[in-house]
């Protein structure tokens, strides 16, 4: 618990993954926002950015849960990971609210921030994942909790889209993180709805995720190809390109009881090709030193592992258990390395200069 609290206490947003306006210096406050001379916005932004830590643990928990059909003991590992995720989520959300996040004026300012507003979608996405995982202890209660977070996710996505459609992102270097609220969150919502036996909700959420993945994915890819180069701290966000095909594939197979049909294999092919692109981009993603923004790697790794484990199980490969074990070991090791690096980073920050 002490280590989790240490990770949650980091406030150096200068090291977080963010974007900057084209050809300009640091991002200016969004139009209509309020100047935060006290630095409370900086603190709130740090807390929201660090929710990627919680999302990473939840994503890894989902991967272990998917492996429970092969390794029954994986359920206990999954429970532990989701518990850690929930604790980190609770601490960071409480700190965000304590620093002004509960006020509508501040929340609106944070949503309108061109480089960080999308990250508020972490809050309901993690909430839905946790509700879905622990639904076996009470389906009715889990459905109510899910409904609350689904509503919050929809409101955040709609508010962001309404703001973006006014041209407020025209001076911002786009990156795949903007897909989180409008595509990845609906796909996650669809997968959890299937877990909670809400097929109508699952279908509706899947349709929303698919539409805005195609729409915004095209815009973002076009911007990356023809626009300015991403600033170095923002380049790890390119790994987020793997999240829509991974979560979309999970949502589709969850709705079809784990069966891989033509659509499921289509998602698998898109994910495999996107992972190959990311692997070839690794030299570009390298950072000169560790910074907390590198946690953006965690959920893409976890979600891709989750979908791969489901594919291995559905394909009934002879080496299926061994392949599943290798994937889980790799994903868990990656998260362990990030955790160790985060604690070392925190220890260096705490030393007197």
Protein backbone atom coordinates (compact mmCIF):
# COMPACT_ATOMS: atom_id res chain seq x y z
CA UNK A 1 0.00 0.00 0.00
CA UNK A 2 2.91 2.34 0.74
CA UNK A 3 4.35 1.80 -2.74
CA UNK A 4 0.96 2.45 -4.36
CA UNK A 5 0.61 5.67 -2.39
CA UNK A 6 4.09 6.74 -3.50
CA UNK A 7 3.15 6.23 -7.14
CA UNK A 8 -0.02 8.21 -6.62
CA UNK A 9 1.85 11.13 -5.05
CA UNK A 10 3.94 12.02 -8.11
CA UNK A 11 3.01 15.44 -9.41
CA UNK A 12 5.62 16.27 -12.03
CA UNK A 13 3.41 16.83 -15.06
CA UNK A 14 6.32 18.13 -17.07
CA UNK A 15 7.16 14.49 -17.63
CA UNK A 16 3.68 13.34 -18.57
CA UNK A 17 2.68 12.43 -22.09
CA UNK A 18 1.12 15.51 -23.65
CA UNK A 19 0.90 17.43 -26.88
CA UNK A 20 1.79 20.98 -27.82
CA UNK A 21 0.36 23.32 -30.43
CA UNK A 22 1.96 23.20 -33.84
CA UNK A 23 5.05 25.37 -33.96
CA UNK A 24 4.44 26.83 -30.52
CA UNK A 25 5.66 26.49 -26.99
CA UNK A 26 3.68 25.12 -24.06
CA UNK A 27 -0.06 24.69 -24.56
CA UNK A 28 -2.14 27.69 -23.57
CA UNK A 29 -5.27 27.26 -21.47
CA UNK A 30 -8.29 26.33 -23.54
CA UNK A 31 -10.57 29.10 -24.70
CA UNK A 32 -13.17 29.84 -22.10
CA UNK A 33 -11.04 28.20 -19.41
CA UNK A 34 -9.85 29.79 -16.24
CA UNK A 35 -6.32 30.74 -15.37
CA UNK A 36 -5.02 28.52 -12.61
CA UNK A 37 -2.22 30.60 -11.11
CA UNK A 38 -2.17 28.44 -7.98
CA UNK A 39 -1.09 25.44 -9.99
CA UNK A 40 -4.12 23.38 -8.98
CA UNK A 41 -4.83 22.55 -12.61
CA UNK A 42 -1.27 21.21 -12.91
CA UNK A 43 -1.87 18.99 -9.90
CA UNK A 44 -5.22 17.77 -11.23
CA UNK A 45 -3.66 17.02 -14.62
CA UNK A 46 -0.93 14.99 -12.91
CA UNK A 47 -3.49 12.90 -11.05
CA UNK A 48 -5.51 12.19 -14.18
CA UNK A 49 -2.37 11.34 -16.15
CA UNK A 50 -1.28 8.88 -13.46
CA UNK A 51 -4.59 7.02 -13.79
CA UNK A 52 -2.82 5.21 -16.63
CA UNK A 53 -1.14 3.26 -13.81
CA UNK A 54 -4.52 2.07 -12.54
CA UNK A 55 -5.67 1.31 -16.09
CA UNK A 56 -2.56 -0.77 -16.67
CA UNK A 57 -3.21 -2.93 -13.60
CA UNK A 58 -6.88 -3.35 -14.57
CA UNK A 59 -5.90 -4.29 -18.11
CA UNK A 60 -3.41 -6.88 -16.87
CA UNK A 61 -6.08 -8.19 -14.51
CA UNK A 62 -8.35 -8.66 -17.52
CA UNK A 63 -5.62 -10.60 -19.33
CA UNK A 64 -5.19 -12.95 -16.37
CA UNK A 65 -8.96 -13.32 -16.12
CA UNK A 66 -9.09 -14.35 -19.79
CA UNK A 67 -6.54 -17.07 -19.00
CA UNK A 68 -8.69 -18.59 -16.24
CA UNK A 69 -10.08 -21.16 -18.70
CA UNK A 70 -6.53 -22.46 -19.10
CA UNK A 71 -5.14 -21.76 -15.62
CA UNK A 72 -7.92 -21.74 -12.97
CA UNK A 73 -5.60 -20.09 -10.43
CA UNK A 74 -5.39 -17.06 -12.72
CA UNK A 75 -8.64 -15.79 -11.20
CA UNK A 76 -6.89 -15.07 -7.89
CA UNK A 77 -4.09 -13.21 -9.66
CA UNK A 78 -6.70 -11.24 -11.57
CA UNK A 79 -8.55 -10.36 -8.35
CA UNK A 80 -5.34 -9.04 -6.82
CA UNK A 81 -4.51 -6.91 -9.86
CA UNK A 82 -8.00 -5.41 -10.00
CA UNK A 83 -7.81 -4.66 -6.27
CA UNK A 84 -4.53 -2.79 -6.75
CA UNK A 85 -6.07 -0.94 -9.69
CA UNK A 86 -9.07 0.06 -7.60
CA UNK A 87 -6.91 1.34 -4.75
CA UNK A 88 -4.76 3.48 -7.04
CA UNK A 89 -7.87 4.74 -8.84
CA UNK A 90 -9.53 5.71 -5.55
CA UNK A 91 -6.47 7.58 -4.24
CA UNK A 92 -5.89 9.51 -7.46
CA UNK A 93 -9.57 10.35 -7.96
CA UNK A 94 -9.85 11.62 -4.38
CA UNK A 95 -6.78 13.81 -4.91
CA UNK A 96 -8.20 15.12 -8.18
CA UNK A 97 -11.46 16.09 -6.49
CA UNK A 98 -9.64 17.62 -3.52
CA UNK A 99 -7.69 19.92 -5.83
CA UNK A 100 -10.82 21.37 -7.39
CA UNK A 101 -12.01 18.63 -9.73
CA UNK A 102 -15.44 18.57 -8.08
CA UNK A 103 -16.18 22.13 -9.24
CA UNK A 104 -17.92 22.41 -12.60
CA UNK A 105 -15.77 25.39 -13.66
CA UNK A 106 -12.57 23.42 -13.11
CA UNK A 107 -13.97 20.24 -14.64
CA UNK A 108 -15.05 22.14 -17.75
CA UNK A 109 -11.58 23.71 -17.96
CA UNK A 110 -9.93 20.29 -17.69
CA UNK A 111 -12.22 18.79 -20.34
CA UNK A 112 -11.42 21.63 -22.73
CA UNK A 113 -7.67 21.35 -22.30
CA UNK A 114 -6.42 20.44 -25.81
CA UNK A 115 -3.62 18.19 -24.62
CA UNK A 116 -5.12 16.46 -21.59
CA UNK A 117 -8.93 16.60 -21.70
CA UNK A 118 -9.24 13.14 -23.26
CA UNK A 119 -7.49 11.57 -20.24
CA UNK A 120 -10.56 12.19 -18.05
CA UNK A 121 -12.05 9.13 -19.77
CA UNK A 122 -9.69 7.03 -17.63
CA UNK A 123 -12.07 7.52 -14.70
CA UNK A 124 -15.18 5.75 -16.06
CA UNK A 125 -13.22 3.21 -18.12
CA UNK A 126 -11.44 1.90 -15.03
CA UNK A 127 -14.71 1.97 -13.08
CA UNK A 128 -16.45 -0.16 -15.72
CA UNK A 129 -13.58 -2.66 -15.82
CA UNK A 130 -13.63 -3.11 -12.05
CA UNK A 131 -17.42 -3.41 -11.93
CA UNK A 132 -17.38 -6.06 -14.64
CA UNK A 133 -14.62 -8.09 -13.03
CA UNK A 134 -16.22 -8.31 -9.60
CA UNK A 135 -19.76 -8.83 -10.95
CA UNK A 136 -19.62 -12.48 -9.92
CA UNK A 137 -20.10 -11.32 -6.33
CA UNK A 138 -23.33 -9.48 -7.15
CA UNK A 139 -24.67 -9.05 -10.67
CA UNK A 140 -27.40 -6.55 -9.84
CA UNK A 141 -25.07 -4.23 -7.93
CA UNK A 142 -22.44 -4.48 -10.66
CA UNK A 143 -25.02 -3.50 -13.27
CA UNK A 144 -25.94 -0.36 -11.33
CA UNK A 145 -22.30 0.62 -10.87
CA UNK A 146 -21.67 -0.07 -14.55
CA UNK A 147 -24.66 2.08 -15.53
CA UNK A 148 -23.24 5.01 -13.56
CA UNK A 149 -19.80 4.77 -15.16
CA UNK A 150 -21.28 4.15 -18.61
CA UNK A 151 -23.28 7.36 -18.25
CA UNK A 152 -20.18 9.26 -17.12
CA UNK A 153 -18.17 7.85 -20.05
CA UNK A 154 -20.89 8.87 -22.51
CA UNK A 155 -21.11 12.39 -21.07
CA UNK A 156 -17.33 12.87 -21.18
CA UNK A 157 -17.10 11.57 -24.75
CA UNK A 158 -20.04 13.68 -25.94
CA UNK A 159 -18.71 16.79 -24.20
CA UNK A 160 -15.27 16.30 -25.70
CA UNK A 161 -16.67 15.71 -29.17
CA UNK A 162 -18.90 18.77 -28.93
CA UNK A 163 -15.86 20.81 -27.94
CA UNK A 164 -13.59 19.30 -30.60
CA UNK A 165 -16.14 19.83 -33.38
CA UNK A 166 -15.79 23.59 -32.92
CA UNK A 167 -12.23 23.42 -34.27
CA UNK A 168 -10.44 23.68 -30.93
CA UNK A 169 -7.97 20.93 -31.90
CA UNK A 170 -6.87 22.63 -35.12
CA UNK A 171 -3.68 23.94 -33.48
CA UNK A 172 -2.91 20.71 -31.60
CA UNK A 173 -0.69 17.84 -32.70
CA UNK A 174 -3.08 14.89 -32.62
CA UNK A 175 -2.06 11.50 -31.26
CA UNK A 176 -3.92 8.19 -30.73
CA UNK A 177 -4.74 9.08 -27.11
CA UNK A 178 -7.70 11.03 -28.45
CA UNK A 179 -9.29 7.70 -29.40
CA UNK A 180 -9.63 6.72 -25.74
CA UNK A 181 -12.94 8.46 -24.90
CA UNK A 182 -14.69 8.09 -28.26
CA UNK A 183 -13.62 4.61 -29.39
CA UNK A 184 -11.76 2.56 -26.78
CA UNK A 185 -14.17 3.47 -23.96
CA UNK A 186 -17.25 2.33 -25.94
CA UNK A 187 -15.49 -0.92 -26.86
CA UNK A 188 -14.67 -1.52 -23.18
CA UNK A 189 -18.27 -0.67 -22.30
CA UNK A 190 -19.47 -3.22 -24.86
CA UNK A 191 -17.26 -5.99 -23.50
CA UNK A 192 -18.38 -5.33 -19.92
CA UNK A 193 -22.04 -5.22 -21.00
CA UNK A 194 -21.64 -8.72 -22.43
CA UNK A 195 -20.13 -9.85 -19.12
CA UNK A 196 -23.16 -8.39 -17.33
CA UNK A 197 -25.55 -10.09 -19.82
CA UNK A 198 -26.78 -6.82 -21.32
CA UNK A 199 -26.63 -7.71 -25.04
CA UNK A 200 -28.54 -4.66 -26.27
CA UNK A 201 -26.19 -2.30 -24.46
CA UNK A 202 -23.21 -4.29 -25.74
CA UNK A 203 -24.36 -3.94 -29.36
CA UNK A 204 -25.06 -0.21 -29.01
CA UNK A 205 -21.72 0.55 -27.38
CA UNK A 206 -19.88 -1.54 -29.97
CA UNK A 207 -21.50 0.43 -32.80
CA UNK A 208 -20.44 3.74 -31.23
CA UNK A 209 -16.88 2.55 -30.73
CA UNK A 210 -16.62 1.24 -34.29
CA UNK A 211 -18.00 4.42 -35.87
CA UNK A 212 -15.68 6.78 -34.03
CA UNK A 213 -12.67 4.49 -34.39
CA UNK A 214 -13.11 4.64 -38.15
CA UNK A 215 -13.85 8.38 -38.14
CA UNK A 216 -11.29 9.69 -35.67
CA UNK A 217 -8.76 6.99 -36.42
CA UNK A 218 -8.65 8.19 -40.01
CA UNK A 219 -8.24 11.82 -38.92
CA UNK A 220 -5.49 10.99 -36.42
CA UNK A 221 -3.55 8.77 -38.83
CA UNK A 222 -3.80 11.47 -41.47
CA UNK A 223 -2.49 14.05 -39.00
CA UNK A 224 0.40 11.81 -37.97
CA UNK A 225 1.39 11.16 -41.59
CA UNK A 226 1.07 14.70 -42.96
CA UNK A 227 1.38 16.90 -39.87
CA UNK A 228 4.19 17.91 -37.57
CA UNK A 229 6.23 15.28 -35.80
CA UNK A 230 5.03 14.39 -32.33
CA UNK A 231 7.12 15.89 -29.51
CA UNK A 232 9.36 13.27 -27.94
CA UNK A 233 7.40 12.99 -24.63
CA UNK A 234 4.19 12.28 -26.59
CA UNK A 235 5.58 9.59 -28.87
CA UNK A 236 4.87 6.66 -26.50
CA UNK A 237 1.18 7.45 -27.10
CA UNK A 238 1.60 5.84 -30.53
CA UNK A 239 1.28 2.49 -28.75
CA UNK A 240 -2.36 3.42 -28.12
CA UNK A 241 -2.99 2.55 -31.78
CA UNK A 242 -3.24 -1.06 -30.61
CA UNK A 243 -6.04 -0.40 -28.11
CA UNK A 244 -9.04 -0.02 -30.49
CA UNK A 245 -8.45 -3.31 -32.37
CA UNK A 246 -7.67 -5.10 -29.10
CA UNK A 247 -10.67 -3.81 -27.14
CA UNK A 248 -12.91 -4.00 -30.21
CA UNK A 249 -11.90 -7.62 -30.73
CA UNK A 250 -12.48 -8.41 -27.05
CA UNK A 251 -15.92 -6.77 -27.23
CA UNK A 252 -16.88 -8.73 -30.33
CA UNK A 253 -15.74 -12.11 -29.03
CA UNK A 254 -17.32 -11.45 -25.62
CA UNK A 255 -20.64 -10.83 -27.36
CA UNK A 256 -20.24 -14.12 -29.25
CA UNK A 257 -19.33 -16.31 -26.27
CA UNK A 258 -15.64 -16.43 -27.10
CA UNK A 259 -16.15 -17.79 -30.62
CA UNK A 260 -13.83 -16.37 -33.29
CA UNK A 261 -15.72 -15.79 -36.53
CA UNK A 262 -14.69 -13.80 -39.60
CA UNK A 263 -15.06 -10.50 -37.74
CA UNK A 264 -13.05 -11.77 -34.78
CA UNK A 265 -10.23 -12.87 -37.06
CA UNK A 266 -10.46 -9.51 -38.79
CA UNK A 267 -9.80 -7.75 -35.50
CA UNK A 268 -6.95 -10.20 -34.84
CA UNK A 269 -5.37 -9.35 -38.18
CA UNK A 270 -5.65 -5.60 -37.60
CA UNK A 271 -4.16 -5.95 -34.13
CA UNK A 272 -1.28 -8.13 -35.33
CA UNK A 273 -0.41 -5.65 -38.08
CA UNK A 274 -0.67 -2.68 -35.68
CA UNK A 275 1.59 -4.42 -33.16
CA UNK A 276 4.13 -4.93 -35.95
CA UNK A 277 4.01 -1.19 -36.72
CA UNK A 278 4.55 -0.36 -33.05
CA UNK A 279 7.50 -2.76 -32.84
CA UNK A 280 9.13 -1.02 -35.80
CA UNK A 281 8.45 2.34 -34.12
CA UNK A 282 10.23 1.37 -30.89
CA UNK A 283 13.41 3.36 -31.72
CA UNK A 284 11.22 6.46 -32.13
CA UNK A 285 9.41 5.78 -28.84
CA UNK A 286 12.62 5.60 -26.81
CA UNK A 287 12.86 8.21 -24.06
CA UNK A 288 16.17 9.56 -22.68
CA UNK A 289 15.02 8.91 -19.10
CA UNK A 290 12.08 7.36 -17.29
CA UNK A 291 9.03 9.54 -16.87
CA UNK A 292 5.57 8.55 -15.55
CA UNK A 293 4.04 9.10 -18.98
CA UNK A 294 5.63 5.80 -20.02
CA UNK A 295 2.75 4.07 -18.24
CA UNK A 296 0.86 4.70 -21.46
CA UNK A 297 2.56 1.48 -22.63
CA UNK A 298 0.81 -0.62 -19.99
CA UNK A 299 -2.78 -0.84 -21.22
CA UNK A 300 -1.88 -1.47 -24.88
CA UNK A 301 0.31 -4.37 -23.75
CA UNK A 302 -2.37 -5.72 -21.41
CA UNK A 303 -5.28 -5.38 -23.84
CA UNK A 304 -3.31 -6.96 -26.68
CA UNK A 305 -2.33 -9.84 -24.39
CA UNK A 306 -5.96 -10.28 -23.32
CA UNK A 307 -7.16 -10.56 -26.92
CA UNK A 308 -4.29 -12.88 -27.86
CA UNK A 309 -5.09 -15.19 -24.93
CA UNK A 310 -8.72 -15.36 -26.06
CA UNK A 311 -7.62 -16.20 -29.60
CA UNK A 312 -5.27 -18.94 -28.39
CA UNK A 313 -8.06 -20.50 -26.31
CA UNK A 314 -10.61 -20.31 -29.14
CA UNK A 315 -8.13 -21.82 -31.62
CA UNK A 316 -7.40 -24.79 -29.31
CA UNK A 317 -3.73 -24.77 -30.29
CA UNK A 318 -1.68 -27.76 -29.05
CA UNK A 319 0.83 -25.37 -27.50
CA UNK A 320 -1.96 -23.11 -26.22
CA UNK A 321 -1.16 -23.31 -22.48
CA UNK A 322 2.54 -22.65 -23.09
CA UNK A 323 1.82 -19.69 -25.37
CA UNK A 324 -0.65 -18.29 -22.86
CA UNK A 325 1.92 -18.60 -20.10
CA UNK A 326 4.57 -16.84 -22.19
CA UNK A 327 2.24 -13.95 -23.02
CA UNK A 328 1.14 -13.49 -19.42
CA UNK A 329 4.72 -13.66 -18.18
CA UNK A 330 5.80 -11.04 -20.69
CA UNK A 331 2.93 -8.66 -19.92
CA UNK A 332 3.32 -9.08 -16.17
CA UNK A 333 7.08 -8.53 -16.40
CA UNK A 334 6.52 -5.33 -18.38
CA UNK A 335 4.17 -4.01 -15.72
CA UNK A 336 6.63 -5.05 -13.01
CA UNK A 337 9.44 -3.14 -14.73
CA UNK A 338 7.25 -0.04 -15.01
CA UNK A 339 6.35 -0.30 -11.33
CA UNK A 340 9.99 -0.66 -10.27
CA UNK A 341 11.04 2.27 -12.47
CA UNK A 342 8.22 4.39 -11.04
CA UNK A 343 9.26 3.70 -7.46
CA UNK A 344 12.90 4.51 -8.28
CA UNK A 345 11.77 7.71 -9.97
CA UNK A 346 9.74 8.63 -6.90
CA UNK A 347 12.69 7.88 -4.61
CA UNK A 348 14.98 10.15 -6.64
CA UNK A 349 12.39 12.95 -6.48
CA UNK A 350 12.13 12.57 -2.71
CA UNK A 351 15.87 12.98 -2.15
CA UNK A 352 16.96 16.43 -0.99
CA UNK A 353 18.82 18.30 -3.72
